[in-house]
Amino acid sequence: RTPLDEVPLTHTYTSEQGLLYVYDTLDEDWKASDVYEALLRDEANAEKDNKAAGSNCPDPSEGEKSVAGVDEASGGMSLEEQEEALRELFAEAAKSGPGSA
């Protein structure tokens, strides 16, 4: 994942409530910035753990793929959190609507 300070502005959205959302190119969905940062921290920690246990894993890239696969599948959020975030985005989009500018 791209570090938050390197994410292009076109991949960010600020809601009317002032919440920052970031488009996660790995999961291909929008995440709240704090969720995105937590995923970055988790991946960094997993990478450190993989390097520390490097002698146990014959091919480090295989370990990284499995960790990324777990994060990619769950998005780091529970199903309820994902659905709630999606509902919020849809509600905000419906408020602003296509002709309200």
N, C-alpha and C. Protein backbone atom coordinates (compact mmCIF):
# COMPACT_ATOMS: atom_id res chain seq x y z
N ARG A 1 0.85 -1.19 0.00
CA ARG A 1 0.00 0.00 0.00
C ARG A 1 0.88 1.24 0.00
N THR A 2 0.35 2.27 -0.59
CA THR A 2 1.06 3.54 -0.64
C THR A 2 0.95 4.23 0.71
N PRO A 3 2.08 4.75 1.24
CA PRO A 3 2.00 5.51 2.50
C PRO A 3 1.03 6.68 2.36
N LEU A 4 0.34 7.02 3.43
CA LEU A 4 -0.71 8.03 3.38
C LEU A 4 -0.22 9.37 2.83
N ASP A 5 1.00 9.77 3.19
CA ASP A 5 1.50 11.06 2.72
C ASP A 5 1.90 11.04 1.25
N GLU A 6 1.89 9.86 0.60
CA GLU A 6 2.22 9.75 -0.82
C GLU A 6 1.00 9.42 -1.68
N VAL A 7 -0.16 9.29 -1.06
CA VAL A 7 -1.38 8.99 -1.80
C VAL A 7 -1.76 10.24 -2.61
N PRO A 8 -2.04 10.08 -3.92
CA PRO A 8 -2.43 11.24 -4.72
C PRO A 8 -3.75 11.83 -4.21
N LEU A 9 -3.91 13.14 -4.36
CA LEU A 9 -5.13 13.81 -3.90
C LEU A 9 -6.37 13.23 -4.58
N THR A 10 -6.22 12.74 -5.79
CA THR A 10 -7.37 12.16 -6.49
C THR A 10 -7.83 10.86 -5.85
N HIS A 11 -7.04 10.31 -4.93
CA HIS A 11 -7.41 9.09 -4.23
C HIS A 11 -7.85 9.38 -2.80
N THR A 12 -8.24 10.63 -2.53
CA THR A 12 -8.74 11.01 -1.22
C THR A 12 -10.09 11.71 -1.36
N TYR A 13 -10.88 11.65 -0.30
CA TYR A 13 -12.19 12.29 -0.29
C TYR A 13 -12.46 12.72 1.14
N THR A 14 -12.91 13.96 1.32
CA THR A 14 -13.28 14.44 2.64
C THR A 14 -14.79 14.58 2.69
N SER A 15 -15.42 13.89 3.63
CA SER A 15 -16.87 13.93 3.75
C SER A 15 -17.31 15.27 4.31
N GLU A 16 -18.61 15.50 4.28
CA GLU A 16 -19.16 16.74 4.83
C GLU A 16 -18.94 16.81 6.34
N GLN A 17 -18.77 15.66 6.98
CA GLN A 17 -18.50 15.62 8.42
C GLN A 17 -17.01 15.83 8.71
N GLY A 18 -16.20 15.97 7.67
CA GLY A 18 -14.78 16.21 7.85
C GLY A 18 -13.94 14.94 7.95
N LEU A 19 -14.53 13.79 7.64
CA LEU A 19 -13.78 12.54 7.68
C LEU A 19 -13.04 12.34 6.37
N LEU A 20 -11.77 11.98 6.48
CA LEU A 20 -10.96 11.73 5.29
C LEU A 20 -11.05 10.27 4.91
N TYR A 21 -11.36 10.03 3.64
CA TYR A 21 -11.39 8.67 3.09
C TYR A 21 -10.27 8.55 2.07
N VAL A 22 -9.68 7.37 2.02
CA VAL A 22 -8.56 7.10 1.11
C VAL A 22 -8.95 5.91 0.24
N TYR A 23 -8.67 6.01 -1.06
CA TYR A 23 -8.94 4.88 -1.95
C TYR A 23 -7.78 3.90 -1.84
N ASP A 24 -8.10 2.68 -1.44
CA ASP A 24 -7.11 1.63 -1.29
C ASP A 24 -7.02 0.88 -2.62
N THR A 25 -5.91 1.05 -3.31
CA THR A 25 -5.76 0.44 -4.64
C THR A 25 -5.61 -1.08 -4.56
N LEU A 26 -5.18 -1.61 -3.43
CA LEU A 26 -5.08 -3.07 -3.29
C LEU A 26 -6.45 -3.71 -3.18
N ASP A 27 -7.30 -3.15 -2.34
CA ASP A 27 -8.64 -3.69 -2.12
C ASP A 27 -9.66 -3.09 -3.09
N GLU A 28 -9.25 -2.03 -3.76
CA GLU A 28 -10.12 -1.30 -4.69
C GLU A 28 -11.40 -0.84 -4.02
N ASP A 29 -11.24 -0.19 -2.84
CA ASP A 29 -12.37 0.40 -2.16
C ASP A 29 -11.91 1.57 -1.30
N TRP A 30 -12.88 2.34 -0.81
CA TRP A 30 -12.59 3.51 0.02
C TRP A 30 -12.54 3.08 1.47
N LYS A 31 -11.55 3.64 2.20
CA LYS A 31 -11.40 3.36 3.62
C LYS A 31 -11.22 4.69 4.36
N ALA A 32 -11.71 4.74 5.59
CA ALA A 32 -11.44 5.89 6.44
C ALA A 32 -9.93 5.97 6.65
N SER A 33 -9.41 7.18 6.77
CA SER A 33 -7.95 7.34 6.85
C SER A 33 -7.36 6.60 8.04
N ASP A 34 -8.06 6.56 9.18
CA ASP A 34 -7.51 5.85 10.33
C ASP A 34 -7.47 4.34 10.08
N VAL A 35 -8.44 3.80 9.34
CA VAL A 35 -8.43 2.39 8.99
C VAL A 35 -7.27 2.11 8.04
N TYR A 36 -7.07 3.01 7.07
CA TYR A 36 -5.99 2.85 6.10
C TYR A 36 -4.63 2.88 6.81
N GLU A 37 -4.48 3.83 7.75
CA GLU A 37 -3.22 3.90 8.51
C GLU A 37 -3.00 2.65 9.34
N ALA A 38 -4.07 2.09 9.92
CA ALA A 38 -3.94 0.86 10.71
C ALA A 38 -3.49 -0.30 9.82
N LEU A 39 -4.01 -0.36 8.59
CA LEU A 39 -3.57 -1.39 7.66
C LEU A 39 -2.09 -1.24 7.33
N LEU A 40 -1.65 0.00 7.14
CA LEU A 40 -0.23 0.25 6.86
C LEU A 40 0.63 -0.23 8.02
N ARG A 41 0.20 0.09 9.26
CA ARG A 41 0.96 -0.33 10.45
C ARG A 41 0.99 -1.86 10.55
N ASP A 42 -0.16 -2.49 10.32
CA ASP A 42 -0.23 -3.95 10.40
C ASP A 42 0.69 -4.60 9.37
N GLU A 43 0.70 -4.05 8.16
CA GLU A 43 1.57 -4.61 7.12
C GLU A 43 3.04 -4.40 7.46
N ALA A 44 3.37 -3.24 8.03
CA ALA A 44 4.76 -2.98 8.41
C ALA A 44 5.18 -3.95 9.52
N ASN A 45 4.29 -4.16 10.48
CA ASN A 45 4.60 -5.11 11.56
C ASN A 45 4.74 -6.53 11.02
N ALA A 46 3.87 -6.91 10.10
CA ALA A 46 3.95 -8.24 9.51
C ALA A 46 5.25 -8.40 8.73
N GLU A 47 5.66 -7.34 8.04
CA GLU A 47 6.92 -7.38 7.29
C GLU A 47 8.10 -7.58 8.24
N LYS A 48 8.08 -6.85 9.37
CA LYS A 48 9.15 -6.99 10.36
C LYS A 48 9.18 -8.41 10.90
N ASP A 49 7.99 -8.95 11.19
CA ASP A 49 7.93 -10.32 11.71
C ASP A 49 8.46 -11.32 10.69
N ASN A 50 8.12 -11.11 9.41
CA ASN A 50 8.61 -12.00 8.36
C ASN A 50 10.13 -11.93 8.24
N LYS A 51 10.68 -10.72 8.35
CA LYS A 51 12.14 -10.58 8.26
C LYS A 51 12.82 -11.21 9.47
N ALA A 52 12.20 -11.05 10.65
CA ALA A 52 12.78 -11.62 11.86
C ALA A 52 12.75 -13.14 11.80
N ALA A 53 11.73 -13.69 11.17
CA ALA A 53 11.60 -15.14 11.06
C ALA A 53 12.07 -15.61 9.68
N GLY A 54 12.93 -14.84 9.05
CA GLY A 54 13.39 -15.13 7.69
C GLY A 54 14.00 -16.50 7.53
N SER A 55 14.66 -17.01 8.55
CA SER A 55 15.27 -18.33 8.43
C SER A 55 14.21 -19.42 8.39
N ASN A 56 13.00 -19.14 8.90
CA ASN A 56 11.92 -20.13 8.89
C ASN A 56 11.18 -20.17 7.56
N CYS A 57 11.31 -19.12 6.76
CA CYS A 57 10.59 -19.03 5.50
C CYS A 57 11.60 -19.07 4.36
N PRO A 58 11.65 -20.14 3.57
CA PRO A 58 12.66 -20.27 2.53
C PRO A 58 12.57 -19.17 1.48
N ASP A 59 11.37 -18.71 1.14
CA ASP A 59 11.20 -17.65 0.16
C ASP A 59 10.38 -16.53 0.79
N PRO A 60 11.03 -15.41 1.17
CA PRO A 60 10.31 -14.34 1.86
C PRO A 60 9.12 -13.81 1.07
N SER A 61 9.20 -13.81 -0.25
CA SER A 61 8.09 -13.27 -1.03
C SER A 61 6.84 -14.11 -0.85
N GLU A 62 6.97 -15.42 -0.59
CA GLU A 62 5.80 -16.25 -0.36
C GLU A 62 5.09 -15.84 0.93
N GLY A 63 5.84 -15.54 1.97
CA GLY A 63 5.25 -15.09 3.23
C GLY A 63 4.54 -13.77 3.08
N GLU A 64 5.13 -12.86 2.31
CA GLU A 64 4.51 -11.57 2.10
C GLU A 64 3.21 -11.71 1.32
N LYS A 65 3.18 -12.60 0.35
CA LYS A 65 1.96 -12.79 -0.44
C LYS A 65 0.84 -13.30 0.44
N SER A 66 1.14 -14.22 1.35
CA SER A 66 0.08 -14.77 2.18
C SER A 66 -0.44 -13.71 3.14
N VAL A 67 0.42 -12.88 3.69
CA VAL A 67 -0.02 -11.81 4.59
C VAL A 67 -0.86 -10.81 3.81
N ALA A 68 -0.42 -10.43 2.61
CA ALA A 68 -1.18 -9.48 1.80
C ALA A 68 -2.52 -10.07 1.42
N GLY A 69 -2.57 -11.36 1.15
CA GLY A 69 -3.83 -12.00 0.79
C GLY A 69 -4.85 -11.93 1.91
N VAL A 70 -4.41 -12.09 3.14
CA VAL A 70 -5.31 -12.00 4.28
C VAL A 70 -5.84 -10.58 4.40
N ASP A 71 -4.97 -9.57 4.31
CA ASP A 71 -5.40 -8.19 4.40
C ASP A 71 -6.32 -7.82 3.25
N GLU A 72 -5.98 -8.30 2.07
CA GLU A 72 -6.76 -7.97 0.88
C GLU A 72 -8.17 -8.54 0.99
N ALA A 73 -8.28 -9.75 1.49
CA ALA A 73 -9.59 -10.39 1.57
C ALA A 73 -10.50 -9.70 2.58
N SER A 74 -9.97 -9.30 3.72
CA SER A 74 -10.81 -8.71 4.77
C SER A 74 -10.83 -7.20 4.72
N GLY A 75 -9.85 -6.59 4.07
CA GLY A 75 -9.79 -5.14 4.04
C GLY A 75 -9.45 -4.55 5.40
N GLY A 76 -9.13 -5.40 6.36
CA GLY A 76 -8.79 -4.90 7.69
C GLY A 76 -10.00 -4.44 8.49
N MET A 77 -11.20 -4.60 7.91
CA MET A 77 -12.42 -4.16 8.58
C MET A 77 -13.38 -5.34 8.67
N SER A 78 -14.22 -5.31 9.68
CA SER A 78 -15.26 -6.33 9.75
C SER A 78 -16.29 -6.05 8.66
N LEU A 79 -17.10 -7.02 8.36
CA LEU A 79 -18.12 -6.85 7.34
C LEU A 79 -19.07 -5.72 7.70
N GLU A 80 -19.41 -5.61 8.99
CA GLU A 80 -20.31 -4.55 9.44
C GLU A 80 -19.68 -3.17 9.23
N GLU A 81 -18.38 -3.05 9.52
CA GLU A 81 -17.69 -1.77 9.33
C GLU A 81 -17.63 -1.40 7.86
N GLN A 82 -17.38 -2.38 7.00
CA GLN A 82 -17.33 -2.11 5.57
C GLN A 82 -18.69 -1.65 5.06
N GLU A 83 -19.75 -2.33 5.49
CA GLU A 83 -21.09 -1.96 5.05
C GLU A 83 -21.47 -0.57 5.55
N GLU A 84 -21.12 -0.25 6.79
CA GLU A 84 -21.44 1.06 7.34
C GLU A 84 -20.70 2.17 6.59
N ALA A 85 -19.43 1.95 6.29
CA ALA A 85 -18.65 2.95 5.53
C ALA A 85 -19.25 3.15 4.15
N LEU A 86 -19.68 2.07 3.52
CA LEU A 86 -20.29 2.17 2.20
C LEU A 86 -21.62 2.92 2.27
N ARG A 87 -22.42 2.63 3.29
CA ARG A 87 -23.69 3.35 3.46
C ARG A 87 -23.45 4.85 3.63
N GLU A 88 -22.43 5.21 4.42
CA GLU A 88 -22.12 6.63 4.63
C GLU A 88 -21.74 7.30 3.31
N LEU A 89 -20.92 6.64 2.51
CA LEU A 89 -20.51 7.21 1.23
C LEU A 89 -21.70 7.38 0.31
N PHE A 90 -22.57 6.37 0.25
CA PHE A 90 -23.75 6.46 -0.60
C PHE A 90 -24.68 7.58 -0.13
N ALA A 91 -24.84 7.71 1.18
CA ALA A 91 -25.71 8.76 1.72
C ALA A 91 -25.17 10.14 1.35
N GLU A 92 -23.87 10.33 1.46
CA GLU A 92 -23.28 11.62 1.11
C GLU A 92 -23.39 11.88 -0.38
N ALA A 93 -23.21 10.85 -1.19
CA ALA A 93 -23.35 11.02 -2.63
C ALA A 93 -24.79 11.37 -2.99
N ALA A 94 -25.75 10.78 -2.31
CA ALA A 94 -27.16 11.06 -2.58
C ALA A 94 -27.51 12.50 -2.18
N LYS A 95 -26.90 13.00 -1.10
CA LYS A 95 -27.15 14.38 -0.67
C LYS A 95 -26.69 15.38 -1.72
N SER A 96 -25.47 15.16 -2.22
CA SER A 96 -24.92 16.12 -3.19
C SER A 96 -25.52 15.91 -4.57
N GLY A 97 -25.94 14.69 -4.90
CA GLY A 97 -26.63 14.39 -6.14
C GLY A 97 -25.97 14.93 -7.40
N PRO A 98 -26.41 14.48 -8.57
CA PRO A 98 -25.76 14.89 -9.82
C PRO A 98 -26.04 16.33 -10.21
N GLY A 99 -27.11 16.96 -9.84
CA GLY A 99 -27.37 18.33 -10.30
C GLY A 99 -27.32 19.36 -9.21
N SER A 100 -26.72 19.06 -8.07
CA SER A 100 -26.77 19.98 -6.93
C SER A 100 -25.62 20.95 -6.85
N ALA A 101 -24.71 20.97 -7.79
CA ALA A 101 -23.52 21.82 -7.71
C ALA A 101 -23.82 23.25 -7.93
